[in-house]
Protein backbone atom coordinates (compact mmCIF):
# COMPACT_ATOMS: atom_id res chain seq x y z
CA MET A 1 244.28 -44.28 26.70
CA LYS A 2 242.77 -44.14 30.43
CA ARG A 3 238.80 -44.16 30.79
CA ALA A 4 237.67 -40.80 32.47
CA GLY A 5 236.03 -41.86 35.64
CA VAL A 6 232.61 -40.89 36.98
CA GLY A 7 232.38 -38.30 39.55
CA ARG A 8 231.37 -39.16 43.08
CA PRO A 9 228.81 -36.50 43.57
CA THR A 10 227.23 -37.58 40.16
CA LEU A 11 226.99 -41.28 41.25
CA LEU A 12 225.15 -40.07 44.46
CA VAL A 13 222.47 -37.81 42.79
CA ALA A 14 221.68 -40.91 40.53
CA VAL A 15 221.41 -43.68 43.63
CA LEU A 16 218.85 -40.86 45.46
CA PHE A 17 216.84 -40.51 42.28
CA ALA A 18 216.34 -44.27 42.14
CA GLY A 19 215.50 -44.43 45.65
CA VAL A 20 213.03 -41.80 45.39
CA LEU A 21 211.83 -43.22 42.34
CA GLY A 22 211.30 -46.64 43.80
CA LEU A 23 209.54 -45.39 46.93
CA LEU A 24 207.17 -43.64 44.24
CA VAL A 25 206.58 -46.78 42.45
CA ALA A 26 206.38 -48.74 45.65
CA GLY A 27 203.75 -46.13 47.01
CA CYS A 28 201.40 -46.01 43.70
CA ALA A 29 201.53 -49.99 43.54
CA ARG A 30 200.42 -49.85 47.11
CA ALA A 31 197.77 -47.44 46.76
CA ALA A 32 196.49 -49.35 43.60
CA ALA A 33 196.35 -52.37 45.49
CA GLN A 34 193.88 -50.78 48.20
CA PRO A 35 190.74 -50.33 46.45
CA THR A 36 189.07 -47.01 47.28
CA PRO A 37 185.98 -48.05 49.39
CA THR A 38 182.97 -47.41 47.53
CA ALA A 39 180.96 -44.88 49.08
CA THR A 40 177.57 -46.60 49.94
CA SER A 41 174.26 -44.56 50.13
CA VAL A 42 173.09 -44.63 53.65
CA SER A 43 169.38 -45.21 53.74
CA ALA A 44 167.85 -42.37 55.68
CA THR A 45 166.41 -43.99 59.01
CA PRO A 46 162.33 -43.48 57.99
CA THR A 47 160.72 -41.16 60.46
CA PRO A 48 158.36 -42.87 62.03
CA THR A 49 154.89 -41.91 60.84
CA ALA A 50 152.74 -40.64 63.25
CA THR A 51 149.91 -42.83 64.11
CA PRO A 52 146.84 -40.65 63.50
CA ARG A 53 144.94 -39.69 66.69
CA PRO A 54 141.31 -41.00 66.02
CA THR A 55 138.73 -38.39 65.41
CA ALA A 56 136.26 -37.95 68.09
CA THR A 57 132.86 -38.83 66.96
CA LEU A 58 129.60 -37.73 68.79
CA ALA A 59 127.83 -40.89 69.60
CA PRO A 60 124.03 -40.55 68.01
CA SER A 61 121.70 -39.34 70.72
CA PRO A 62 119.31 -42.21 70.77
CA THR A 63 115.82 -41.34 68.65
CA ALA A 64 113.06 -40.50 71.08
CA PRO A 65 110.00 -42.41 69.82
CA PRO A 66 107.42 -39.66 68.26
CA THR A 67 104.78 -38.60 71.04
CA PRO A 68 101.51 -39.83 69.33
CA SER A 69 98.96 -36.91 69.22
CA PRO A 70 96.54 -37.01 71.67
CA THR A 71 93.49 -38.90 70.25
CA LEU A 72 90.04 -36.40 69.97
CA THR A 73 87.34 -37.99 71.64
CA PRO A 74 84.51 -36.97 68.99
CA THR A 75 81.79 -35.17 70.39
CA PRO A 76 78.80 -36.88 70.31
CA THR A 77 76.63 -35.45 67.99
CA ALA A 78 73.16 -33.84 69.33
CA ILE A 79 70.37 -35.90 68.14
CA ALA A 80 66.90 -34.11 67.28
CA GLY A 81 64.24 -35.46 68.26
CA PRO A 82 61.57 -37.10 68.23
CA ALA A 83 64.05 -40.33 68.41
CA ILE A 84 64.36 -43.81 69.84
CA ILE A 85 67.98 -44.72 70.46
CA ALA A 86 68.25 -48.62 70.73
CA GLY A 87 71.75 -50.23 71.30
CA PRO A 88 73.84 -48.97 68.37
CA CYS A 89 70.85 -47.50 66.62
CA VAL A 90 69.03 -44.20 66.21
CA PHE A 91 65.51 -44.21 65.19
CA ARG A 92 63.69 -41.10 63.55
CA VAL A 93 60.31 -41.51 64.94
CA ASP A 94 56.56 -40.33 64.16
CA ILE A 95 54.64 -40.31 67.29
CA ALA A 96 51.16 -41.44 66.93
CA ASP A 97 49.72 -38.42 68.57
CA THR A 98 46.16 -37.93 66.81
CA PRO A 99 43.41 -40.25 66.39
CA GLN A 100 44.37 -40.11 62.34
CA LYS A 101 47.74 -41.10 63.02
CA SER A 102 46.81 -43.85 65.55
CA ILE A 103 44.38 -45.30 63.37
CA ARG A 104 46.47 -45.43 59.96
CA GLY A 105 49.75 -46.37 61.81
CA LEU A 106 52.37 -47.53 58.90
CA SER A 107 49.53 -49.12 56.89
CA GLY A 108 49.94 -48.45 53.09
CA ARG A 109 54.00 -47.72 53.00
CA SER A 110 55.36 -50.36 50.78
CA THR A 111 58.62 -49.83 52.47
CA ILE A 112 59.90 -48.96 55.83
CA PRO A 113 63.42 -47.05 56.47
CA PRO A 114 65.74 -49.04 58.47
CA ASP A 115 65.84 -46.04 60.78
CA TYR A 116 62.23 -44.89 60.97
CA GLY A 117 59.74 -46.29 63.41
CA MET A 118 56.31 -44.99 64.86
CA VAL A 119 55.54 -44.68 68.58
CA TRP A 120 52.35 -44.55 70.80
CA LEU A 121 52.07 -43.34 73.97
CA PHE A 122 49.46 -44.73 76.13
CA ARG A 123 47.65 -42.57 78.87
CA ARG A 124 47.24 -45.54 80.91
CA GLU A 125 48.89 -48.91 81.01
CA GLY A 126 47.85 -51.57 78.37
CA GLU A 127 45.60 -49.19 76.54
CA THR A 128 46.09 -50.13 72.91
CA SER A 129 46.40 -53.35 70.83
CA ILE A 130 47.60 -53.15 67.62
CA TRP A 131 46.38 -55.09 64.01
CA MET A 132 48.01 -55.06 60.67
CA LYS A 133 45.16 -53.57 58.56
CA GLY A 134 46.46 -52.14 55.57
CA MET A 135 49.80 -53.43 56.04
CA LEU A 136 52.02 -54.09 52.95
CA VAL A 137 54.91 -55.07 54.58
CA PRO A 138 55.79 -57.09 58.11
CA ILE A 139 57.00 -55.36 60.97
CA ASP A 140 58.39 -55.89 64.62
CA ILE A 141 56.14 -54.78 67.54
CA VAL A 142 58.13 -53.36 70.67
CA TRP A 143 56.14 -53.15 73.53
CA ILE A 144 57.70 -50.77 76.42
CA ASP A 145 57.21 -50.02 79.92
CA LYS A 146 57.50 -46.81 81.85
CA ALA A 147 60.87 -47.12 82.38
CA HIS A 148 61.57 -47.70 78.86
CA ARG A 149 62.34 -51.51 79.49
CA VAL A 150 61.48 -53.61 76.55
CA LEU A 151 58.79 -55.87 77.64
CA ARG A 152 58.15 -58.18 74.67
CA VAL A 153 59.12 -58.20 70.43
CA ASP A 154 56.34 -59.36 68.38
CA ALA A 155 58.75 -59.96 65.43
CA SER A 156 57.92 -59.94 61.77
CA ALA A 157 53.95 -59.73 62.02
CA PRO A 158 53.05 -60.50 58.77
CA PRO A 159 50.41 -58.46 56.61
CA GLN A 160 46.96 -59.93 56.17
CA PRO A 161 46.01 -58.42 52.78
CA GLY A 162 42.47 -58.85 51.76
CA ALA A 163 41.16 -60.19 55.23
CA PRO A 164 38.13 -58.88 56.89
CA ASP A 165 38.80 -56.71 60.03
CA SER A 166 36.96 -59.53 61.67
CA GLU A 167 40.02 -62.08 61.17
CA LEU A 168 42.86 -59.59 61.26
CA ARG A 169 45.04 -60.82 64.42
CA LEU A 170 45.10 -58.55 67.32
CA TYR A 171 48.65 -58.31 68.99
CA ASN A 172 47.38 -57.39 72.65
CA PRO A 173 49.75 -55.49 75.05
CA PRO A 174 51.95 -57.31 78.04
CA PRO A 175 51.18 -56.26 81.61
CA GLY A 176 53.17 -52.84 82.24
CA SER A 177 52.98 -51.87 78.84
CA PHE A 178 52.82 -47.57 78.36
CA PHE A 179 54.41 -47.42 74.81
CA VAL A 180 54.31 -49.51 71.50
CA PHE A 181 57.10 -49.08 68.55
CA GLU A 182 56.86 -50.24 65.43
CA VAL A 183 60.04 -50.66 62.96
CA ALA A 184 60.61 -52.63 59.92
CA ALA A 185 61.01 -56.48 60.20
CA GLY A 186 64.17 -57.67 61.59
CA ARG A 187 65.25 -54.11 63.22
CA ALA A 188 64.72 -54.62 66.72
CA ALA A 189 66.66 -58.03 66.77
CA ALA A 190 69.80 -55.81 64.70
CA CYS A 191 69.14 -53.18 67.16
CA SER A 192 69.32 -55.41 70.50
CA MET A 193 65.80 -54.69 71.44
CA GLN A 194 64.88 -57.64 73.34
CA PRO A 195 63.03 -58.13 76.88
CA GLY A 196 64.93 -56.59 79.55
CA SER A 197 66.93 -54.21 77.27
CA ILE A 198 66.44 -50.38 77.85
CA VAL A 199 65.84 -47.96 74.98
CA GLU A 200 66.25 -43.96 75.29
CA PHE A 201 63.76 -41.39 74.25
CA VAL A 202 64.71 -38.20 72.72
CA GLY A 203 62.24 -35.50 72.56
CA ILE A 204 59.32 -37.63 73.47
CA ALA A 205 57.20 -36.89 76.11
CA SER A 206 55.09 -39.61 78.66
CA ARG A 207 51.26 -38.90 78.21
CA GLN A 208 51.01 -40.33 81.76
């Protein structure tokens, strides 16, 4: 029996189909061989950080030294007389301007304040001598001339209790004396009263 032969058109279609299929398979294989590039994350280029502009600061003004308040010179306090100023000392004084005061002087006092004294004003030069009759404490006897200059200081003249008048020591004035000033012992030196120093009289009128 004769085998039926395959027609030519059918054979052509089969060949074409096989060729297309081979191309597809080859294409797929090639596509599979080439790996798809992996997307890499692109790092964003960092925006440059702006350099901070320095803040302008005001330079501190130099502190001016405080202006010292002017020191006020104290107004000298008026000294009410009668008084004698000797060095740094101001003495309140009694004036032996009556016979009773002149005779008694500072006798009978158990203490003499350091800022107190008694002054005799002579009518003429060297008029009066001083003695220690009735004195209970030592005193400084200061002899002064017309210009209020100290001539001599009989320092710490001691009392002579119980001595008769005839035995009492006399302190005679040096030449040029017109005043004698009695103060507590030691006050003449403490107040810079020495020969040649000047004392100031306040409210004491001369008797010449």
